[in-house]
């Protein structure tokens, strides 16, 4: 008579637990007081362990692990705007439309904001996120863009991860090799419609297509100007450039003791 009743039970993936947890005793389940019926729920330690695993996978440098949007100190209008845009991006992700390019002099909190976005997403268990330093990208043995060359197994990850944080973009000289590696990555992500958040030096978009960058231009400005013009146009159409200005936080001892800002 009960053949028409279907079970709603579904198997769950194994939960990461803290074996030393005093609440669940390492079982992953917290017993709840009930009225004659035993009840249990997932212990909070499972969520904490999950977050720690995700942070390890995302590869956030240790000096930035504490960064969040809540502890970012905005002192100028451009910093207030950048913080608001970072919050909006995190709230709307993955339906944010375009990526972000946080540009400005060192010490204004660009990396802090980028990591803050990642932290917001990790709190929602958005797993397909990766933090990548531009110097590590170019200096690595990533020669898969050259015909017949050995391909690094992480090339596919860089190209197809849903959200890539590319920190300190364009910080190296635009040599033939660095341009090939960068253009290969940008083109692949643009074609796959993957979202990217960049941090880098000050950028003047109107001057990017000049034959020679102006004296005193940032390394990021010079690197972008050296990119293939059609690719550069696609790149600019795919990101929202947020110029940030203000005082270098690293020179302010009271703030430097509390924050590590990029």
C-alpha atoms as a PDB file:
ATOM      1  CA  UNK A   1       0.000   0.000   0.000  1.00  0.00           C
ATOM      2  CA  UNK A   2       3.035   2.265   0.309  1.00  0.00           C
ATOM      3  CA  UNK A   3       4.441   1.598  -3.161  1.00  0.00           C
ATOM      4  CA  UNK A   4       3.311   5.016  -4.388  1.00  0.00           C
ATOM      5  CA  UNK A   5       5.342   6.821  -1.706  1.00  0.00           C
ATOM      6  CA  UNK A   6       8.726   7.989  -2.970  1.00  0.00           C
ATOM      7  CA  UNK A   7      11.640   8.712  -0.706  1.00  0.00           C
ATOM      8  CA  UNK A   8      13.037  12.283  -0.700  1.00  0.00           C
ATOM      9  CA  UNK A   9      16.401  11.178   0.712  1.00  0.00           C
ATOM     10  CA  UNK A  10      19.412  12.195  -1.310  1.00  0.00           C
ATOM     11  CA  UNK A  11      23.014  11.306  -0.634  1.00  0.00           C
ATOM     12  CA  UNK A  12      25.252  14.169   0.492  1.00  0.00           C
ATOM     13  CA  UNK A  13      28.921  14.667  -0.341  1.00  0.00           C
ATOM     14  CA  UNK A  14      31.248  13.841   2.536  1.00  0.00           C
ATOM     15  CA  UNK A  15      31.618  16.856   4.811  1.00  0.00           C
ATOM     16  CA  UNK A  16      34.946  18.205   5.926  1.00  0.00           C
ATOM     17  CA  UNK A  17      34.983  18.170   9.718  1.00  0.00           C
ATOM     18  CA  UNK A  18      37.183  19.351  12.530  1.00  0.00           C
ATOM     19  CA  UNK A  19      38.076  16.226  14.483  1.00  0.00           C
ATOM     20  CA  UNK A  20      38.756  18.323  17.567  1.00  0.00           C
ATOM     21  CA  UNK A  21      35.400  20.127  17.488  1.00  0.00           C
ATOM     22  CA  UNK A  22      33.850  20.196  20.965  1.00  0.00           C
ATOM     23  CA  UNK A  23      30.325  20.533  19.542  1.00  0.00           C
ATOM     24  CA  UNK A  24      30.099  17.567  17.167  1.00  0.00           C
ATOM     25  CA  UNK A  25      33.058  15.543  18.498  1.00  0.00           C
ATOM     26  CA  UNK A  26      34.343  15.204  14.954  1.00  0.00           C
ATOM     27  CA  UNK A  27      31.155  13.669  13.530  1.00  0.00           C
ATOM     28  CA  UNK A  28      30.097  16.731  11.553  1.00  0.00           C
ATOM     29  CA  UNK A  29      26.627  16.672  13.156  1.00  0.00           C
ATOM     30  CA  UNK A  30      25.349  18.757  16.049  1.00  0.00           C
ATOM     31  CA  UNK A  31      22.614  17.192  18.187  1.00  0.00           C
ATOM     32  CA  UNK A  32      19.619  19.462  18.751  1.00  0.00           C
ATOM     33  CA  UNK A  33      17.348  19.331  21.820  1.00  0.00           C
ATOM     34  CA  UNK A  34      13.928  18.079  20.855  1.00  0.00           C
ATOM     35  CA  UNK A  35      10.676  16.894  22.325  1.00  0.00           C
ATOM     36  CA  UNK A  36      11.092  13.157  22.299  1.00  0.00           C
ATOM     37  CA  UNK A  37      12.585  13.093  18.804  1.00  0.00           C
ATOM     38  CA  UNK A  38      16.304  13.048  18.074  1.00  0.00           C
ATOM     39  CA  UNK A  39      17.302  15.894  15.787  1.00  0.00           C
ATOM     40  CA  UNK A  40      20.644  16.889  14.306  1.00  0.00           C
ATOM     41  CA  UNK A  41      22.049  19.490  11.941  1.00  0.00           C
ATOM     42  CA  UNK A  42      25.354  20.120  10.202  1.00  0.00           C
ATOM     43  CA  UNK A  43      27.923  21.454  12.639  1.00  0.00           C
ATOM     44  CA  UNK A  44      29.349  24.911  11.976  1.00  0.00           C
ATOM     45  CA  UNK A  45      32.856  23.429  11.911  1.00  0.00           C
ATOM     46  CA  UNK A  46      32.066  21.816   8.547  1.00  0.00           C
ATOM     47  CA  UNK A  47      31.452  25.226   6.992  1.00  0.00           C
ATOM     48  CA  UNK A  48      34.675  26.576   8.486  1.00  0.00           C
ATOM     49  CA  UNK A  49      36.715  23.643   7.177  1.00  0.00           C
ATOM     50  CA  UNK A  50      35.097  24.043   3.782  1.00  0.00           C
ATOM     51  CA  UNK A  51      36.082  27.711   3.659  1.00  0.00           C
ATOM     52  CA  UNK A  52      39.659  26.899   4.639  1.00  0.00           C
ATOM     53  CA  UNK A  53      39.859  24.313   1.866  1.00  0.00           C
ATOM     54  CA  UNK A  54      38.503  26.784  -0.684  1.00  0.00           C
ATOM     55  CA  UNK A  55      40.971  29.480   0.370  1.00  0.00           C
ATOM     56  CA  UNK A  56      43.805  27.007  -0.074  1.00  0.00           C
ATOM     57  CA  UNK A  57      42.530  26.098  -3.519  1.00  0.00           C
ATOM     58  CA  UNK A  58      42.070  29.735  -4.565  1.00  0.00           C
ATOM     59  CA  UNK A  59      45.757  30.421  -3.679  1.00  0.00           C
ATOM     60  CA  UNK A  60      45.360  33.752  -1.940  1.00  0.00           C
ATOM     61  CA  UNK A  61      48.804  34.841  -0.662  1.00  0.00           C
ATOM     62  CA  UNK A  62      49.059  34.594   3.103  1.00  0.00           C
ATOM     63  CA  UNK A  63      49.690  38.328   3.537  1.00  0.00           C
ATOM     64  CA  UNK A  64      46.280  39.066   1.997  1.00  0.00           C
ATOM     65  CA  UNK A  65      44.181  36.340   3.661  1.00  0.00           C
ATOM     66  CA  UNK A  66      42.739  38.740   6.241  1.00  0.00           C
ATOM     67  CA  UNK A  67      41.542  41.246   3.601  1.00  0.00           C
ATOM     68  CA  UNK A  68      37.817  41.810   3.237  1.00  0.00           C
ATOM     69  CA  UNK A  69      35.550  44.503   1.873  1.00  0.00           C
ATOM     70  CA  UNK A  70      34.438  45.282   5.416  1.00  0.00           C
ATOM     71  CA  UNK A  71      37.919  46.220   6.640  1.00  0.00           C
ATOM     72  CA  UNK A  72      38.944  48.265   3.586  1.00  0.00           C
ATOM     73  CA  UNK A  73      39.636  51.886   4.585  1.00  0.00           C
ATOM     74  CA  UNK A  74      38.395  54.306   1.911  1.00  0.00           C
ATOM     75  CA  UNK A  75      39.766  57.842   2.329  1.00  0.00           C
ATOM     76  CA  UNK A  76      39.158  59.371  -1.105  1.00  0.00           C
ATOM     77  CA  UNK A  77      36.163  59.556  -3.415  1.00  0.00           C
ATOM     78  CA  UNK A  78      37.805  57.199  -5.885  1.00  0.00           C
ATOM     79  CA  UNK A  79      38.385  54.648  -3.107  1.00  0.00           C
ATOM     80  CA  UNK A  80      34.766  54.975  -1.962  1.00  0.00           C
ATOM     81  CA  UNK A  81      33.625  54.407  -5.522  1.00  0.00           C
ATOM     82  CA  UNK A  82      35.958  51.433  -5.985  1.00  0.00           C
ATOM     83  CA  UNK A  83      34.688  49.853  -2.766  1.00  0.00           C
ATOM     84  CA  UNK A  84      31.068  50.338  -3.872  1.00  0.00           C
ATOM     85  CA  UNK A  85      31.818  48.800  -7.275  1.00  0.00           C
ATOM     86  CA  UNK A  86      33.593  45.856  -5.626  1.00  0.00           C
ATOM     87  CA  UNK A  87      30.561  45.221  -3.406  1.00  0.00           C
ATOM     88  CA  UNK A  88      28.220  45.474  -6.375  1.00  0.00           C
ATOM     89  CA  UNK A  89      30.376  43.083  -8.368  1.00  0.00           C
ATOM     90  CA  UNK A  90      30.394  40.509  -5.552  1.00  0.00           C
ATOM     91  CA  UNK A  91      26.633  40.805  -5.051  1.00  0.00           C
ATOM     92  CA  UNK A  92      25.843  40.344  -8.732  1.00  0.00           C
ATOM     93  CA  UNK A  93      28.378  37.644  -9.537  1.00  0.00           C
ATOM     94  CA  UNK A  94      28.167  35.606 -11.741  1.00  0.00           C
ATOM     95  CA  UNK A  95      25.683  37.952 -13.465  1.00  0.00           C
ATOM     96  CA  UNK A  96      27.949  41.004 -13.289  1.00  0.00           C
ATOM     97  CA  UNK A  97      28.226  41.658 -17.038  1.00  0.00           C
ATOM     98  CA  UNK A  98      31.874  42.733 -17.207  1.00  0.00           C
ATOM     99  CA  UNK A  99      35.064  42.295 -15.250  1.00  0.00           C
ATOM    100  CA  UNK A 100      36.862  44.947 -13.215  1.00  0.00           C
ATOM    101  CA  UNK A 101      40.224  46.650 -13.626  1.00  0.00           C
ATOM    102  CA  UNK A 102      41.396  48.308 -10.411  1.00  0.00           C
ATOM    103  CA  UNK A 103      44.138  50.718 -11.490  1.00  0.00           C
ATOM    104  CA  UNK A 104      46.314  53.123  -9.566  1.00  0.00           C
ATOM    105  CA  UNK A 105      49.617  53.677  -7.822  1.00  0.00           C
ATOM    106  CA  UNK A 106      50.918  51.051  -5.346  1.00  0.00           C
ATOM    107  CA  UNK A 107      49.570  51.058  -1.807  1.00  0.00           C
ATOM    108  CA  UNK A 108      45.981  52.159  -2.538  1.00  0.00           C
ATOM    109  CA  UNK A 109      44.267  48.868  -1.727  1.00  0.00           C
ATOM    110  CA  UNK A 110      43.687  47.394  -5.177  1.00  0.00           C
ATOM    111  CA  UNK A 111      44.681  43.861  -4.192  1.00  0.00           C
ATOM    112  CA  UNK A 112      42.803  44.277  -0.910  1.00  0.00           C
ATOM    113  CA  UNK A 113      39.586  44.973  -2.840  1.00  0.00           C
ATOM    114  CA  UNK A 114      40.179  42.079  -5.237  1.00  0.00           C
ATOM    115  CA  UNK A 115      40.752  39.640  -2.376  1.00  0.00           C
ATOM    116  CA  UNK A 116      37.719  41.122  -0.613  1.00  0.00           C
ATOM    117  CA  UNK A 117      35.598  40.158  -3.614  1.00  0.00           C
ATOM    118  CA  UNK A 118      36.994  36.631  -3.486  1.00  0.00           C
ATOM    119  CA  UNK A 119      36.229  36.382   0.214  1.00  0.00           C
ATOM    120  CA  UNK A 120      32.609  37.418  -0.355  1.00  0.00           C
ATOM    121  CA  UNK A 121      32.283  34.711  -3.005  1.00  0.00           C
ATOM    122  CA  UNK A 122      33.918  32.056  -0.834  1.00  0.00           C
ATOM    123  CA  UNK A 123      31.422  32.851   1.915  1.00  0.00           C
ATOM    124  CA  UNK A 124      28.759  31.851  -0.619  1.00  0.00           C
ATOM    125  CA  UNK A 125      30.823  28.751  -1.543  1.00  0.00           C
ATOM    126  CA  UNK A 126      31.554  29.957  -5.059  1.00  0.00           C
ATOM    127  CA  UNK A 127      34.356  27.497  -5.722  1.00  0.00           C
ATOM    128  CA  UNK A 128      35.524  28.241  -9.269  1.00  0.00           C
ATOM    129  CA  UNK A 129      37.792  31.181  -8.375  1.00  0.00           C
ATOM    130  CA  UNK A 130      41.567  31.530  -8.700  1.00  0.00           C
ATOM    131  CA  UNK A 131      44.075  34.184  -7.600  1.00  0.00           C
ATOM    132  CA  UNK A 132      47.072  34.549  -9.928  1.00  0.00           C
ATOM    133  CA  UNK A 133      50.021  36.927  -9.729  1.00  0.00           C
ATOM    134  CA  UNK A 134      51.034  38.363 -13.102  1.00  0.00           C
ATOM    135  CA  UNK A 135      54.740  37.868 -12.435  1.00  0.00           C
ATOM    136  CA  UNK A 136      54.165  34.203 -11.623  1.00  0.00           C
ATOM    137  CA  UNK A 137      52.154  33.813 -14.804  1.00  0.00           C
ATOM    138  CA  UNK A 138      54.810  35.240 -17.113  1.00  0.00           C
ATOM    139  CA  UNK A 139      57.810  33.732 -15.349  1.00  0.00           C
ATOM    140  CA  UNK A 140      56.292  30.250 -15.188  1.00  0.00           C
ATOM    141  CA  UNK A 141      57.059  27.554 -17.741  1.00  0.00           C
ATOM    142  CA  UNK A 142      53.855  28.246 -19.606  1.00  0.00           C
ATOM    143  CA  UNK A 143      54.860  27.852 -23.225  1.00  0.00           C
ATOM    144  CA  UNK A 144      51.702  26.146 -24.449  1.00  0.00           C
ATOM    145  CA  UNK A 145      51.048  29.080 -26.778  1.00  0.00           C
ATOM    146  CA  UNK A 146      54.068  28.136 -28.883  1.00  0.00           C
ATOM    147  CA  UNK A 147      53.528  25.432 -31.515  1.00  0.00           C
ATOM    148  CA  UNK A 148      55.044  22.120 -30.498  1.00  0.00           C
ATOM    149  CA  UNK A 149      56.059  23.331 -27.039  1.00  0.00           C
ATOM    150  CA  UNK A 150      55.288  21.454 -23.854  1.00  0.00           C
ATOM    151  CA  UNK A 151      52.004  22.590 -22.322  1.00  0.00           C
ATOM    152  CA  UNK A 152      51.764  23.357 -18.629  1.00  0.00           C
ATOM    153  CA  UNK A 153      48.885  21.351 -17.073  1.00  0.00           C
ATOM    154  CA  UNK A 154      47.498  24.517 -15.448  1.00  0.00           C
ATOM    155  CA  UNK A 155      47.038  26.389 -18.718  1.00  0.00           C
ATOM    156  CA  UNK A 156      43.475  25.148 -18.982  1.00  0.00           C
ATOM    157  CA  UNK A 157      42.731  26.256 -15.433  1.00  0.00           C
ATOM    158  CA  UNK A 158      43.951  29.810 -16.064  1.00  0.00           C
ATOM    159  CA  UNK A 159      41.967  30.038 -19.270  1.00  0.00           C
ATOM    160  CA  UNK A 160      38.684  28.537 -18.142  1.00  0.00           C
ATOM    161  CA  UNK A 161      38.290  29.209 -14.408  1.00  0.00           C
ATOM    162  CA  UNK A 162      35.022  31.113 -13.959  1.00  0.00           C
ATOM    163  CA  UNK A 163      36.630  34.024 -12.101  1.00  0.00           C
ATOM    164  CA  UNK A 164      40.324  34.840 -12.325  1.00  0.00           C
ATOM    165  CA  UNK A 165      41.971  37.486 -10.139  1.00  0.00           C
ATOM    166  CA  UNK A 166      45.026  38.620 -12.123  1.00  0.00           C
ATOM    167  CA  UNK A 167      47.060  40.723  -9.693  1.00  0.00           C
ATOM    168  CA  UNK A 168      49.647  43.371 -10.633  1.00  0.00           C
ATOM    169  CA  UNK A 169      48.816  43.104 -14.320  1.00  0.00           C
ATOM    170  CA  UNK A 170      51.476  44.399 -16.745  1.00  0.00           C
ATOM    171  CA  UNK A 171      54.141  44.825 -14.091  1.00  0.00           C
ATOM    172  CA  UNK A 172      56.852  43.355 -16.355  1.00  0.00           C
ATOM    173  CA  UNK A 173      58.418  44.646 -19.564  1.00  0.00           C
ATOM    174  CA  UNK A 174      56.385  43.850 -22.703  1.00  0.00           C
ATOM    175  CA  UNK A 175      58.846  41.417 -24.222  1.00  0.00           C
ATOM    176  CA  UNK A 176      57.902  39.011 -26.985  1.00  0.00           C
ATOM    177  CA  UNK A 177      57.464  36.087 -24.583  1.00  0.00           C
ATOM    178  CA  UNK A 178      55.459  37.994 -21.954  1.00  0.00           C
ATOM    179  CA  UNK A 179      53.176  39.423 -24.657  1.00  0.00           C
ATOM    180  CA  UNK A 180      52.576  35.984 -26.202  1.00  0.00           C
ATOM    181  CA  UNK A 181      51.690  34.454 -22.854  1.00  0.00           C
ATOM    182  CA  UNK A 182      49.396  37.335 -21.888  1.00  0.00           C
ATOM    183  CA  UNK A 183      47.652  37.624 -25.247  1.00  0.00           C
ATOM    184  CA  UNK A 184      47.046  33.872 -25.319  1.00  0.00           C
ATOM    185  CA  UNK A 185      45.429  34.007 -21.883  1.00  0.00           C
ATOM    186  CA  UNK A 186      43.332  37.105 -22.602  1.00  0.00           C
ATOM    187  CA  UNK A 187      42.075  35.822 -25.933  1.00  0.00           C
ATOM    188  CA  UNK A 188      41.140  32.433 -24.472  1.00  0.00           C
ATOM    189  CA  UNK A 189      39.213  33.992 -21.577  1.00  0.00           C
ATOM    190  CA  UNK A 190      37.463  36.491 -23.836  1.00  0.00           C
ATOM    191  CA  UNK A 191      36.436  33.758 -26.267  1.00  0.00           C
ATOM    192  CA  UNK A 192      35.179  31.575 -23.411  1.00  0.00           C
ATOM    193  CA  UNK A 193      33.386  34.588 -21.866  1.00  0.00           C
ATOM    194  CA  UNK A 194      35.085  34.163 -18.523  1.00  0.00           C
ATOM    195  CA  UNK A 195      35.128  36.982 -15.973  1.00  0.00           C
ATOM    196  CA  UNK A 196      38.398  38.510 -14.783  1.00  0.00           C
ATOM    197  CA  UNK A 197      39.317  41.046 -12.103  1.00  0.00           C
ATOM    198  CA  UNK A 198      42.614  42.832 -12.713  1.00  0.00           C
ATOM    199  CA  UNK A 199      44.761  45.037 -10.522  1.00  0.00           C
ATOM    200  CA  UNK A 200      47.534  47.150 -11.965  1.00  0.00           C
ATOM    201  CA  UNK A 201      49.216  50.515 -12.284  1.00  0.00           C
ATOM    202  CA  UNK A 202      47.535  53.735 -13.328  1.00  0.00           C
ATOM    203  CA  UNK A 203      45.936  53.502 -16.768  1.00  0.00           C
ATOM    204  CA  UNK A 204      44.822  56.273 -19.134  1.00  0.00           C
ATOM    205  CA  UNK A 205      42.537  54.528 -21.612  1.00  0.00           C
ATOM    206  CA  UNK A 206      42.580  57.380 -24.146  1.00  0.00           C
ATOM    207  CA  UNK A 207      46.358  57.133 -24.470  1.00  0.00           C
ATOM    208  CA  UNK A 208      46.623  53.359 -24.871  1.00  0.00           C
ATOM    209  CA  UNK A 209      46.633  53.514 -28.657  1.00  0.00           C
ATOM    210  CA  UNK A 210      49.399  56.088 -28.933  1.00  0.00           C
ATOM    211  CA  UNK A 211      52.539  55.032 -30.771  1.00  0.00           C
ATOM    212  CA  UNK A 212      54.730  55.857 -27.775  1.00  0.00           C
ATOM    213  CA  UNK A 213      53.492  55.978 -24.163  1.00  0.00           C
ATOM    214  CA  UNK A 214      54.016  59.345 -22.498  1.00  0.00           C
ATOM    215  CA  UNK A 215      57.018  59.797 -20.177  1.00  0.00           C
ATOM    216  CA  UNK A 216      56.268  58.590 -16.675  1.00  0.00           C
ATOM    217  CA  UNK A 217      53.557  56.166 -17.789  1.00  0.00           C
ATOM    218  CA  UNK A 218      53.070  53.176 -15.514  1.00  0.00           C
ATOM    219  CA  UNK A 219      54.378  49.726 -16.408  1.00  0.00           C
ATOM    220  CA  UNK A 220      50.769  48.592 -16.819  1.00  0.00           C
ATOM    221  CA  UNK A 221      50.098  51.430 -19.283  1.00  0.00           C
ATOM    222  CA  UNK A 222      53.154  50.476 -21.320  1.00  0.00           C
ATOM    223  CA  UNK A 223      52.263  46.786 -21.333  1.00  0.00           C
ATOM    224  CA  UNK A 224      48.677  47.395 -22.434  1.00  0.00           C
ATOM    225  CA  UNK A 225      49.864  49.724 -25.207  1.00  0.00           C
ATOM    226  CA  UNK A 226      52.063  46.913 -26.540  1.00  0.00           C
ATOM    227  CA  UNK A 227      49.154  44.460 -26.906  1.00  0.00           C
ATOM    228  CA  UNK A 228      47.666  43.665 -30.288  1.00  0.00           C
ATOM    229  CA  UNK A 229      45.234  46.592 -30.954  1.00  0.00           C
ATOM    230  CA  UNK A 230      42.154  44.458 -31.838  1.00  0.00           C
ATOM    231  CA  UNK A 231      42.707  42.366 -28.683  1.00  0.00           C
ATOM    232  CA  UNK A 232      43.217  45.507 -26.631  1.00  0.00           C
ATOM    233  CA  UNK A 233      39.880  46.882 -27.835  1.00  0.00           C
ATOM    234  CA  UNK A 234      38.117  43.646 -26.875  1.00  0.00           C
ATOM    235  CA  UNK A 235      39.874  43.716 -23.508  1.00  0.00           C
ATOM    236  CA  UNK A 236      38.741  47.278 -22.750  1.00  0.00           C
ATOM    237  CA  UNK A 237      35.177  46.432 -23.765  1.00  0.00           C
ATOM    238  CA  UNK A 238      35.158  43.507 -21.341  1.00  0.00           C
ATOM    239  CA  UNK A 239      36.262  45.359 -18.184  1.00  0.00           C
ATOM    240  CA  UNK A 240      35.187  48.366 -16.167  1.00  0.00           C
ATOM    241  CA  UNK A 241      38.291  50.426 -15.407  1.00  0.00           C
ATOM    242  CA  UNK A 242      38.234  51.928 -11.908  1.00  0.00           C
ATOM    243  CA  UNK A 243      41.023  54.482 -11.339  1.00  0.00           C
ATOM    244  CA  UNK A 244      41.974  54.780  -7.664  1.00  0.00           C
ATOM    245  CA  UNK A 245      43.851  57.746  -6.209  1.00  0.00           C
ATOM    246  CA  UNK A 246      44.986  58.647  -2.726  1.00  0.00           C
ATOM    247  CA  UNK A 247      47.805  58.360  -0.236  1.00  0.00           C
ATOM    248  CA  UNK A 248      49.994  55.262  -0.091  1.00  0.00           C
ATOM    249  CA  UNK A 249      48.661  53.274   2.873  1.00  0.00           C
ATOM    250  CA  UNK A 250      52.039  51.660   3.391  1.00  0.00           C
ATOM    251  CA  UNK A 251      53.505  55.007   4.431  1.00  0.00           C
ATOM    252  CA  UNK A 252      50.899  55.458   7.156  1.00  0.00           C
ATOM    253  CA  UNK A 253      52.069  53.433  10.136  1.00  0.00           C
ATOM    254  CA  UNK A 254      48.696  53.326  11.882  1.00  0.00           C
ATOM    255  CA  UNK A 255      47.034  51.750   8.860  1.00  0.00           C
ATOM    256  CA  UNK A 256      50.004  49.673   7.792  1.00  0.00           C
ATOM    257  CA  UNK A 257      49.962  47.831  11.094  1.00  0.00           C
ATOM    258  CA  UNK A 258      46.389  46.744  10.485  1.00  0.00           C
ATOM    259  CA  UNK A 259      46.247  46.184   6.739  1.00  0.00           C
ATOM    260  CA  UNK A 260      48.409  44.830   3.935  1.00  0.00           C
ATOM    261  CA  UNK A 261      47.247  46.659   0.862  1.00  0.00           C
ATOM    262  CA  UNK A 262      48.291  46.148  -2.753  1.00  0.00           C
END
